[in-house]
Amino acid sequence: MGEGAKRPPPGTPGDPSLLSCPTASAQRASHIQAEDRLFKHLFTGYNRWARPVPNTSDVVIVRFGLSIAQLIDVDEKNQMMTTNVWLKQEWSDYKLRWNPADFDNITSLRVPSEMIWIPDIVLYNNADGEFAVTHMTKAHLFSSGTVHWVPPAIYKSSCSIDVTFFPFDQQNCKMKFGSWTYDKAKIDLVQMEQAVDLKDYWESGEWAIVNATGTYTSKKYDCCAEIYPDVTYAFVIRRLPLFYTVNLIVPCLLISCLTVLVFYLPSDCGEKITLCISVLLSLTVFLLLITEIIPSTSLVIPLIGEYLLFTMIFVTLSIVITVFVLNVHHRSPGTHNMPHWVRVAFLGCVPRWLCPSYHCRSSPSVGVPYSHAGLHPGTAGPKAKAQVPVGGLLLSPRIQKALEGVHYISDHLRSEDADSSVSGVRVWGASPGCLYPPGREPSALRVVAWVNAVSSGRSHSPWSPPLESVITCRECLAGSS
């Protein structure tokens, strides 16, 4: 046909494409016929229940491998690990061999797994669900008789959870695969690869796989005399602690720090007990939250649980101490009397322990007990050398004389200031001193404390004159009277 000639329209008798259609259709038909003939050749008289070995004494070697697609969940409460895995199995079936040249060069064929013999490999430590593969996918047959079968499965395997370092824990979960009925003399397992295939693994948001390796073992069980082989895969997984750190650890630490602030609050605010109870209730909520997560076992206790428990104990003790402090704070001389043991402890033992040098200087001898009668003239005498203990305090003769002067001045002023026009009397004359309102003179114990403070040079009170002024003022008043 020349260059200027027109091409016949498609579908017309002159179209050259119609010349090649019978050839392609014939090839497809021949290939389909070859597959049909191959199916009939392979499965005519095939028994799927018999092991694919020429002799009954022969062993079927099954090459086994595991590929994990997803770590779905780790249930600490029920101690289970849920995984999505692919079981890679490969064995040789001499009854499924053919010559590709006899069947239009067909080298492989995919057949339903229900039509051929397959090993009954199951998960030994299954916790819930199906032990064997439930989704029966097709198997891939090769002309050499090799059968390659990779069924997917979702397993829930038992896993012993150790929550000692929760949420910074690391678990070791195992998956044990093996034939359920065939012993080592019938079926033997060979690992395809030592480690688990992680090429198709989808990362989990809570756990990270640190290591996953398989080991071949054989074991004799009590039920049977034969030895059964298995391949056990150990998954070392580590928890990602960011979620629990932000939502559990940090709030617990902050709430625990509030316990210290209870002792910083003033006793008059009235919120000390409220703060303690609030902290205790918050810690109880977090402890209940942890109890819901961790398994109910007595083998191990998580450290965070022990921390919360001891913190709750300390908060309880702080409540008890706060109640005691508030009780003591709201006591007064009008409502309670000072117990004898408090007087001995805080007025005798504690000062002696805090200021041992002062007590050593002021205790060479022990005098008679203090009494109000001994402070007046003629009862004890101003020249007495013995020291008098008053409320746990030892008085030197010089302090006794000053104390007698104070009482004498107080009595003298009370007798002279009978009229109410005088709002206050200056005790110390022209020298700087303090005004005592009528009826507001210091009590005996307060005077004793002041006299001791003056004698040791520690008194800075505006109403505290020198001892010499007290003695001199008393002598002046006695002379004027």
Protein backbone atom coordinates (compact mmCIF):
# COMPACT_ATOMS: atom_id res chain seq x y z
CA MET A 1 0.00 0.00 0.00
CA GLY A 2 1.47 3.36 -1.02
CA GLU A 3 2.11 6.33 1.19
CA GLY A 4 -0.83 8.20 -0.29
CA ALA A 5 -3.21 5.32 0.23
CA LYS A 6 -5.75 5.72 3.00
CA ARG A 7 -5.77 3.38 6.03
CA PRO A 8 -8.99 1.37 6.26
CA PRO A 9 -11.24 2.35 9.14
CA PRO A 10 -10.98 0.19 12.29
CA GLY A 11 -13.21 -2.81 12.24
CA THR A 12 -13.41 -3.01 8.45
CA PRO A 13 -12.18 -6.08 6.63
CA GLY A 14 -9.04 -4.25 5.55
CA ASP A 15 -7.94 -3.34 9.14
CA PRO A 16 -4.53 -5.03 9.90
CA SER A 17 -5.26 -5.19 13.65
CA LEU A 18 -7.86 -7.83 13.01
CA LEU A 19 -5.16 -10.07 11.68
CA SER A 20 -3.36 -10.29 15.11
CA CYS A 21 -6.49 -10.77 17.30
CA PRO A 22 -6.92 -14.45 16.57
CA THR A 23 -3.31 -15.07 17.58
CA ALA A 24 -3.61 -13.27 20.99
CA SER A 25 -6.95 -14.90 21.72
CA ALA A 26 -5.51 -18.26 20.87
CA GLN A 27 -2.57 -17.69 23.23
CA ARG A 28 -4.86 -16.73 26.11
CA ALA A 29 -7.05 -19.68 25.52
CA SER A 30 -4.04 -21.94 25.40
CA HIS A 31 -2.74 -20.54 28.71
CA ILE A 32 -6.10 -21.02 30.41
CA GLN A 33 -6.28 -24.53 29.10
CA ALA A 34 -2.75 -25.13 30.41
CA GLU A 35 -3.76 -23.98 33.91
CA ASP A 36 -6.83 -26.20 33.80
CA ARG A 37 -4.75 -29.13 32.73
CA LEU A 38 -2.18 -28.32 35.46
CA PHE A 39 -4.88 -28.19 38.16
CA LYS A 40 -6.24 -31.51 37.01
CA HIS A 41 -2.74 -32.94 36.89
CA LEU A 42 -1.86 -31.80 40.41
CA PHE A 43 -5.07 -32.44 42.31
CA THR A 44 -6.39 -35.54 40.68
CA GLY A 45 -6.06 -38.11 43.41
CA TYR A 46 -4.37 -35.63 45.76
CA ASN A 47 -4.99 -36.29 49.47
CA ARG A 48 -4.67 -33.09 51.52
CA TRP A 49 -4.62 -34.99 54.82
CA ALA A 50 -1.46 -37.01 54.11
CA ARG A 51 1.99 -35.62 54.81
CA PRO A 52 3.83 -34.73 51.59
CA VAL A 53 6.63 -37.30 51.92
CA PRO A 54 7.42 -40.39 49.81
CA ASN A 55 8.08 -42.51 52.90
CA THR A 56 6.32 -42.35 56.24
CA SER A 57 9.68 -42.20 58.02
CA ASP A 58 10.67 -39.01 56.23
CA VAL A 59 10.46 -35.67 58.01
CA VAL A 60 8.75 -32.62 56.55
CA ILE A 61 11.07 -29.64 56.94
CA VAL A 62 9.09 -26.44 57.42
CA ARG A 63 10.99 -23.19 57.13
CA PHE A 64 9.30 -20.74 59.48
CA GLY A 65 9.59 -16.97 59.84
CA LEU A 66 7.66 -14.14 61.44
CA SER A 67 6.93 -10.65 60.18
CA ILE A 68 5.18 -8.16 62.46
CA ALA A 69 2.93 -5.53 60.95
CA GLN A 70 1.63 -3.80 64.08
CA LEU A 71 1.90 -3.92 67.85
CA ILE A 72 -1.76 -3.26 68.55
CA ASP A 73 -1.91 -3.22 72.34
CA VAL A 74 -0.22 -4.30 75.56
CA ASP A 75 -2.84 -4.92 78.23
CA GLU A 76 -1.07 -4.61 81.60
CA LYS A 77 -4.23 -5.39 83.54
CA ASN A 78 -4.87 -8.74 81.79
CA GLN A 79 -1.20 -9.29 80.88
CA MET A 80 -1.73 -9.76 77.15
CA MET A 81 0.03 -8.52 74.04
CA THR A 82 -2.01 -8.09 70.86
CA THR A 83 -0.05 -8.20 67.60
CA ASN A 84 -0.76 -8.26 63.89
CA VAL A 85 1.73 -10.68 62.33
CA TRP A 86 2.39 -12.58 59.13
CA LEU A 87 3.40 -16.23 59.45
CA LYS A 88 5.90 -17.09 56.73
CA GLN A 89 5.90 -20.84 56.07
CA GLU A 90 7.66 -22.79 53.37
CA TRP A 91 7.94 -26.53 52.74
CA SER A 92 8.30 -28.98 49.85
CA ASP A 93 5.47 -31.16 48.53
CA TYR A 94 6.68 -33.76 46.08
CA LYS A 95 3.11 -34.37 44.87
CA LEU A 96 2.85 -30.80 43.60
CA ARG A 97 5.70 -30.86 41.08
CA TRP A 98 5.35 -30.43 37.33
CA ASN A 99 7.34 -29.74 34.21
CA PRO A 100 6.72 -26.16 33.03
CA ALA A 101 7.34 -27.15 29.42
CA ASP A 102 4.32 -29.44 29.49
CA PHE A 103 2.01 -26.71 30.69
CA ASP A 104 2.78 -23.69 28.55
CA ASN A 105 5.84 -22.71 30.68
CA ILE A 106 3.78 -22.12 33.83
CA THR A 107 6.31 -21.96 36.69
CA SER A 108 4.06 -21.00 39.61
CA LEU A 109 0.49 -21.36 40.63
CA ARG A 110 -1.69 -19.91 43.41
CA VAL A 111 -4.18 -22.25 44.95
CA PRO A 112 -6.50 -22.07 47.96
CA SER A 113 -4.79 -23.33 51.07
CA GLU A 114 -7.77 -25.55 51.85
CA MET A 115 -6.87 -27.71 48.83
CA ILE A 116 -3.35 -28.69 49.93
CA TRP A 117 -1.65 -30.08 53.00
CA ILE A 118 -0.51 -27.37 55.42
CA PRO A 119 1.32 -27.72 58.75
CA ASP A 120 -0.79 -27.18 61.86
CA ILE A 121 1.41 -24.51 63.41
CA VAL A 122 -0.30 -22.67 66.24
CA LEU A 123 0.56 -20.13 68.93
CA TYR A 124 1.19 -22.07 72.14
CA ASN A 125 0.88 -19.18 74.61
CA ASN A 126 -2.36 -17.85 73.20
CA ALA A 127 -4.37 -15.86 75.76
CA ASP A 128 -7.61 -15.14 73.95
CA GLY A 129 -8.95 -15.88 70.50
CA GLU A 130 -7.90 -18.45 67.93
CA PHE A 131 -4.79 -20.57 68.32
CA ALA A 132 -4.43 -21.25 64.60
CA VAL A 133 -4.66 -19.02 61.55
CA THR A 134 -8.26 -18.06 60.84
CA HIS A 135 -7.91 -16.29 57.49
CA MET A 136 -6.98 -19.02 55.03
CA THR A 137 -5.22 -17.19 52.20
CA LYS A 138 -3.99 -18.78 49.01
CA ALA A 139 -0.70 -20.63 48.85
CA HIS A 140 1.93 -20.06 46.21
CA LEU A 141 3.06 -23.25 44.42
CA PHE A 142 6.25 -23.55 42.38
CA SER A 143 7.09 -26.12 39.76
CA SER A 144 9.84 -27.55 41.97
CA GLY A 145 7.23 -28.57 44.55
CA THR A 146 7.98 -25.73 46.95
CA VAL A 147 4.94 -24.32 48.75
CA HIS A 148 5.08 -20.77 50.10
CA TRP A 149 2.27 -19.69 52.42
CA VAL A 150 2.10 -16.34 54.30
CA PRO A 151 -1.21 -16.02 56.16
CA PRO A 152 -1.90 -12.92 58.30
CA ALA A 153 -3.14 -13.31 61.85
CA ILE A 154 -3.99 -11.23 64.92
CA TYR A 155 -2.79 -12.94 68.07
CA LYS A 156 -3.33 -12.21 71.75
CA SER A 157 -0.39 -13.79 73.51
CA SER A 158 0.20 -14.10 77.24
CA CYS A 159 2.88 -11.78 78.57
CA SER A 160 4.17 -11.47 82.12
CA ILE A 161 4.13 -7.74 82.88
CA ASP A 162 6.69 -6.29 85.30
CA VAL A 163 5.55 -2.82 86.37
CA THR A 164 8.24 -2.10 88.95
CA PHE A 165 9.56 0.92 87.06
CA PHE A 166 6.22 2.04 85.58
CA PRO A 167 5.98 4.19 83.45
CA PHE A 168 9.67 3.80 82.58
CA ASP A 169 9.40 0.02 82.27
CA GLN A 170 10.61 -2.45 79.68
CA GLN A 171 8.79 -5.72 79.01
CA ASN A 172 9.86 -9.04 77.50
CA CYS A 173 6.93 -10.75 75.77
CA LYS A 174 7.25 -14.08 73.98
CA MET A 175 5.36 -15.80 71.18
CA LYS A 176 5.85 -19.57 70.92
CA PHE A 177 4.97 -21.27 67.62
CA GLY A 178 5.00 -24.97 66.87
CA SER A 179 3.05 -27.91 65.46
CA TRP A 180 0.23 -29.01 67.72
CA THR A 181 -0.02 -32.68 66.64
CA TYR A 182 3.16 -33.56 64.74
CA ASP A 183 6.27 -34.33 66.75
CA LYS A 184 9.85 -33.80 65.68
CA ALA A 185 9.91 -37.13 63.83
CA LYS A 186 7.11 -35.93 61.55
CA ILE A 187 7.66 -32.17 61.23
CA ASP A 188 10.74 -30.17 62.05
CA LEU A 189 11.02 -26.41 62.06
CA VAL A 190 13.86 -24.37 60.60
CA GLN A 191 14.11 -20.62 61.03
CA MET A 192 14.14 -18.52 57.90
CA GLU A 193 15.92 -15.71 59.72
CA GLN A 194 17.05 -15.13 63.29
CA ALA A 195 15.28 -11.82 63.86
CA VAL A 196 11.69 -10.82 63.31
CA ASP A 197 11.04 -9.03 60.03
CA LEU A 198 10.29 -5.34 60.82
CA LYS A 199 10.20 -4.03 57.26
CA ASP A 200 6.42 -3.63 57.27
CA TYR A 201 6.10 -2.64 60.93
CA TRP A 202 3.82 0.27 61.78
CA GLU A 203 5.21 2.22 64.73
CA SER A 204 3.14 2.26 67.92
CA GLY A 205 2.45 5.46 69.85
CA GLU A 206 2.90 3.84 73.25
CA TRP A 207 5.53 1.11 72.80
CA ALA A 208 8.81 0.81 70.92
CA ILE A 209 10.30 -2.53 69.90
CA VAL A 210 13.88 -2.64 71.15
CA ASN A 211 14.70 -6.16 69.97
CA ALA A 212 12.85 -9.15 68.51
CA THR A 213 14.68 -12.41 67.93
CA GLY A 214 13.67 -16.05 67.64
CA THR A 215 15.18 -19.21 69.11
CA TYR A 216 14.61 -22.83 68.16
CA THR A 217 13.86 -25.24 71.00
CA SER A 218 12.48 -28.73 71.40
CA LYS A 219 10.64 -29.96 74.46
CA LYS A 220 9.16 -33.16 75.82
CA TYR A 221 5.79 -32.65 77.47
CA ASP A 222 4.22 -34.73 80.20
CA CYS A 223 1.32 -35.74 78.02
CA CYS A 224 3.36 -37.43 75.31
CA ALA A 225 6.53 -39.42 74.87
CA GLU A 226 7.58 -37.59 71.71
CA ILE A 227 9.63 -34.42 71.43
CA TYR A 228 7.95 -31.39 69.92
CA PRO A 229 9.91 -28.57 68.25
CA ASP A 230 8.99 -24.91 68.47
CA VAL A 231 10.28 -21.46 67.57
CA THR A 232 9.97 -18.84 70.32
CA TYR A 233 10.19 -15.15 69.47
CA ALA A 234 11.10 -12.76 72.30
CA PHE A 235 9.89 -9.18 71.90
CA VAL A 236 11.72 -6.66 74.07
CA ILE A 237 9.47 -3.60 74.13
CA ARG A 238 9.94 -0.29 75.94
CA ARG A 239 7.14 2.01 77.02
CA LEU A 240 7.20 5.60 75.74
CA PRO A 241 6.81 7.56 79.01
CA LEU A 242 5.97 11.05 77.74
CA PHE A 243 2.20 10.69 78.20
CA TYR A 244 2.46 9.41 81.77
CA THR A 245 5.17 11.92 82.66
CA VAL A 246 3.00 14.87 81.70
CA ASN A 247 -0.30 13.54 83.03
CA LEU A 248 0.81 11.54 86.08
CA ILE A 249 4.36 12.09 87.32
CA VAL A 250 4.49 15.90 87.20
CA PRO A 251 1.06 16.43 88.87
CA CYS A 252 2.00 13.98 91.64
CA LEU A 253 5.23 15.83 92.36
CA LEU A 254 3.52 19.22 92.40
CA ILE A 255 0.77 18.01 94.71
CA SER A 256 3.35 16.44 97.02
CA CYS A 257 5.16 19.77 97.29
CA LEU A 258 1.97 21.35 98.61
CA THR A 259 2.33 19.27 101.76
CA VAL A 260 5.29 21.40 102.88
CA LEU A 261 3.26 24.60 102.48
CA VAL A 262 0.85 23.41 105.16
CA PHE A 263 3.41 24.26 107.84
CA TYR A 264 4.02 27.69 106.30
CA LEU A 265 0.40 28.79 106.62
CA PRO A 266 -0.42 30.88 109.71
CA SER A 267 -2.49 29.11 112.32
CA ASP A 268 -5.11 31.88 112.30
CA CYS A 269 -5.95 31.49 108.61
CA GLY A 270 -8.13 28.44 109.25
CA GLU A 271 -7.17 26.69 105.99
CA LYS A 272 -4.39 24.40 107.17
CA ILE A 273 -6.60 21.34 107.61
CA THR A 274 -8.44 22.08 104.35
CA LEU A 275 -5.20 22.12 102.39
CA CYS A 276 -4.05 18.86 103.99
CA ILE A 277 -7.30 17.09 103.17
CA SER A 278 -7.24 18.39 99.58
CA VAL A 279 -3.71 17.09 99.04
CA LEU A 280 -4.65 13.73 100.54
CA LEU A 281 -7.69 13.37 98.28
CA SER A 282 -5.67 14.31 95.18
CA LEU A 283 -3.04 11.69 95.94
CA THR A 284 -5.79 9.13 96.49
CA VAL A 285 -7.19 9.85 93.02
CA PHE A 286 -3.79 9.32 91.39
CA LEU A 287 -3.26 6.11 93.36
CA LEU A 288 -6.61 4.77 92.14
CA LEU A 289 -5.63 5.71 88.58
CA ILE A 290 -2.43 3.69 88.83
CA THR A 291 -4.33 0.78 90.37
CA GLU A 292 -6.56 0.67 87.27
CA ILE A 293 -3.53 0.43 84.98
CA ILE A 294 -1.22 -2.04 86.70
CA PRO A 295 -2.10 -5.75 87.05
CA SER A 296 -3.64 -7.01 90.27
CA THR A 297 -0.63 -8.94 91.46
CA SER A 298 1.28 -9.08 94.70
CA LEU A 299 4.58 -10.07 93.10
CA VAL A 300 5.78 -6.54 92.41
CA ILE A 301 4.61 -3.07 93.41
CA PRO A 302 5.46 -0.12 91.15
CA LEU A 303 7.79 2.44 92.62
CA ILE A 304 5.38 5.24 91.81
CA GLY A 305 2.72 3.42 93.86
CA GLU A 306 5.10 3.18 96.81
CA TYR A 307 5.92 6.86 96.41
CA LEU A 308 2.26 7.86 96.49
CA LEU A 309 1.61 5.56 99.44
CA PHE A 310 4.41 7.02 101.55
CA THR A 311 3.40 10.53 100.51
CA MET A 312 -0.12 9.83 101.73
CA ILE A 313 1.32 8.59 105.02
CA PHE A 314 3.34 11.80 105.40
CA VAL A 315 0.29 13.91 104.55
CA THR A 316 -1.69 12.02 107.19
CA LEU A 317 1.04 12.70 109.74
CA SER A 318 1.06 16.36 108.75
CA ILE A 319 -2.69 16.49 109.41
CA VAL A 320 -2.15 15.03 112.88
CA ILE A 321 0.66 17.51 113.60
CA THR A 322 -1.42 20.40 112.27
CA VAL A 323 -4.32 19.48 114.54
CA PHE A 324 -1.95 19.39 117.52
CA VAL A 325 -0.41 22.75 116.57
CA LEU A 326 -3.82 24.39 116.20
CA ASN A 327 -4.90 22.98 119.55
CA VAL A 328 -1.84 24.42 121.28
CA HIS A 329 -2.15 27.71 119.39
CA HIS A 330 -5.68 28.37 120.58
CA ARG A 331 -4.92 27.60 124.23
CA SER A 332 -4.64 30.44 126.73
CA PRO A 333 -4.03 30.78 130.49
CA GLY A 334 -7.74 31.32 130.93
CA THR A 335 -8.69 27.99 129.31
CA HIS A 336 -5.82 25.65 130.14
CA ASN A 337 -3.14 25.23 132.77
CA MET A 338 0.40 24.49 131.73
CA PRO A 339 1.11 20.79 132.37
CA HIS A 340 3.97 19.91 134.64
CA TRP A 341 5.85 18.01 131.93
CA VAL A 342 5.68 21.04 129.62
CA ARG A 343 7.08 23.26 132.36
CA VAL A 344 9.92 20.83 133.05
CA ALA A 345 10.69 20.24 129.39
CA PHE A 346 10.54 23.77 127.99
CA LEU A 347 11.55 25.81 131.03
CA GLY A 348 14.13 23.44 132.43
CA CYS A 349 15.56 20.96 129.93
CA VAL A 350 15.37 22.94 126.69
CA PRO A 351 17.04 26.13 128.06
CA ARG A 352 19.72 24.02 129.70
CA TRP A 353 20.37 22.28 126.39
CA LEU A 354 20.30 25.46 124.29
CA CYS A 355 22.35 27.63 126.70
CA PRO A 356 24.55 25.26 128.70
CA SER A 357 27.18 27.93 129.49
CA TYR A 358 24.65 30.24 131.17
CA HIS A 359 23.25 27.50 133.37
CA CYS A 360 26.71 26.34 134.37
CA ARG A 361 27.54 29.87 135.55
CA SER A 362 24.27 30.36 137.42
CA SER A 363 23.96 26.99 139.19
CA PRO A 364 26.80 26.57 141.73
CA SER A 365 24.22 26.00 144.45
CA VAL A 366 20.51 25.46 144.79
CA GLY A 367 18.42 27.65 147.08
CA VAL A 368 14.94 27.53 148.47
CA PRO A 369 11.90 27.52 146.20
CA TYR A 370 10.45 30.80 145.05
CA SER A 371 7.40 32.25 146.81
CA HIS A 372 5.74 35.63 146.81
CA ALA A 373 6.24 35.90 150.56
CA GLY A 374 10.00 35.63 150.14
CA LEU A 375 10.06 38.74 148.00
CA HIS A 376 9.00 41.07 150.78
CA PRO A 377 11.30 42.44 153.47
CA GLY A 378 11.92 40.22 156.43
CA THR A 379 11.09 36.90 154.73
CA ALA A 380 14.18 36.07 152.71
CA GLY A 381 16.52 38.95 153.36
CA PRO A 382 18.28 40.98 150.73
CA LYS A 383 21.64 39.47 151.61
CA ALA A 384 20.68 35.84 150.96
CA LYS A 385 23.38 34.11 148.94
CA ALA A 386 21.40 31.12 147.78
CA GLN A 387 19.88 30.99 144.30
CA VAL A 388 16.15 30.50 144.13
CA PRO A 389 14.56 28.40 141.32
CA VAL A 390 11.39 30.07 140.06
CA GLY A 391 9.45 28.22 137.35
CA GLY A 392 12.63 26.34 136.40
CA LEU A 393 14.80 29.55 136.50
CA LEU A 394 17.66 29.96 139.02
CA LEU A 395 17.87 33.46 140.61
CA SER A 396 21.13 34.87 141.89
CA PRO A 397 21.12 36.99 145.10
CA ARG A 398 21.49 40.14 143.02
CA ILE A 399 18.41 39.28 140.96
CA GLN A 400 16.46 38.40 144.11
CA LYS A 401 17.19 41.84 145.53
CA ALA A 402 16.04 43.52 142.32
CA LEU A 403 12.89 41.40 142.28
CA GLU A 404 12.09 42.41 145.85
CA GLY A 405 12.57 46.04 144.85
CA VAL A 406 10.12 45.68 141.97
CA HIS A 407 7.44 44.24 144.23
CA TYR A 408 8.08 46.91 146.88
CA ILE A 409 7.79 49.68 144.28
CA SER A 410 4.61 48.15 142.91
CA ASP A 411 3.00 47.96 146.34
CA HIS A 412 4.14 51.49 147.23
CA LEU A 413 2.72 53.01 144.04
CA ARG A 414 -0.54 51.12 144.36
CA SER A 415 -1.06 52.49 147.85
CA GLU A 416 -0.24 56.10 146.88
CA ASP A 417 -2.18 56.22 143.61
CA ALA A 418 -5.63 55.69 145.06
CA ASP A 419 -7.29 58.32 142.92
CA SER A 420 -8.08 57.49 139.28
CA SER A 421 -6.73 60.76 137.94
CA VAL A 422 -3.30 59.27 137.57
CA SER A 423 -3.17 57.24 134.36
CA GLY A 424 0.35 56.05 134.95
CA VAL A 425 3.31 56.43 137.31
CA ARG A 426 6.91 56.71 136.30
CA VAL A 427 8.71 54.23 138.48
CA TRP A 428 12.22 55.31 137.87
CA GLY A 429 12.10 59.02 138.67
CA ALA A 430 14.09 61.30 136.45
CA SER A 431 15.87 58.50 134.66
CA PRO A 432 14.24 57.09 131.47
CA GLY A 433 11.80 54.35 132.34
CA CYS A 434 8.34 53.02 131.70
CA LEU A 435 4.85 53.83 132.95
CA TYR A 436 2.93 51.08 134.73
CA PRO A 437 -0.84 51.59 134.49
CA PRO A 438 -2.57 50.85 137.81
CA GLY A 439 -3.29 47.13 138.12
CA ARG A 440 -1.07 46.29 135.08
CA GLU A 441 2.18 45.62 136.89
CA PRO A 442 4.12 42.62 135.54
CA SER A 443 3.39 39.25 137.07
CA ALA A 444 5.98 37.39 139.13
CA LEU A 445 7.01 35.04 136.36
CA ARG A 446 7.26 37.92 133.88
CA VAL A 447 9.37 39.91 136.32
CA VAL A 448 11.59 36.89 136.87
CA ALA A 449 12.09 36.49 133.13
CA TRP A 450 12.81 40.20 132.78
CA VAL A 451 15.28 40.16 135.68
CA ASN A 452 17.15 37.23 134.12
CA ALA A 453 17.17 38.98 130.75
CA VAL A 454 18.47 42.20 132.30
CA SER A 455 21.16 40.36 134.22
CA SER A 456 22.41 38.64 131.09
CA GLY A 457 22.23 41.82 128.98
CA ARG A 458 19.63 40.40 126.56
CA SER A 459 16.69 42.63 127.45
CA HIS A 460 15.80 45.40 125.02
CA SER A 461 12.30 46.07 126.29
CA PRO A 462 11.42 49.76 126.79
CA TRP A 463 10.11 49.02 130.30
CA SER A 464 13.30 47.26 131.44
CA PRO A 465 15.55 49.51 133.66
CA PRO A 466 18.89 48.47 135.07
CA LEU A 467 18.93 46.47 138.27
CA GLU A 468 20.74 49.28 140.07
CA SER A 469 17.84 51.64 139.25
CA VAL A 470 15.37 49.20 140.76
CA ILE A 471 17.37 48.79 143.96
CA THR A 472 18.08 52.53 144.25
CA CYS A 473 14.47 53.46 143.61
CA ARG A 474 13.29 51.08 146.31
CA GLU A 475 15.76 52.54 148.82
CA CYS A 476 14.63 56.08 147.95
CA LEU A 477 10.97 55.20 148.38
CA ALA A 478 11.70 53.40 151.65
CA GLY A 479 13.60 56.44 152.93
CA SER A 480 10.84 58.86 151.93
CA SER A 481 8.22 56.76 153.62
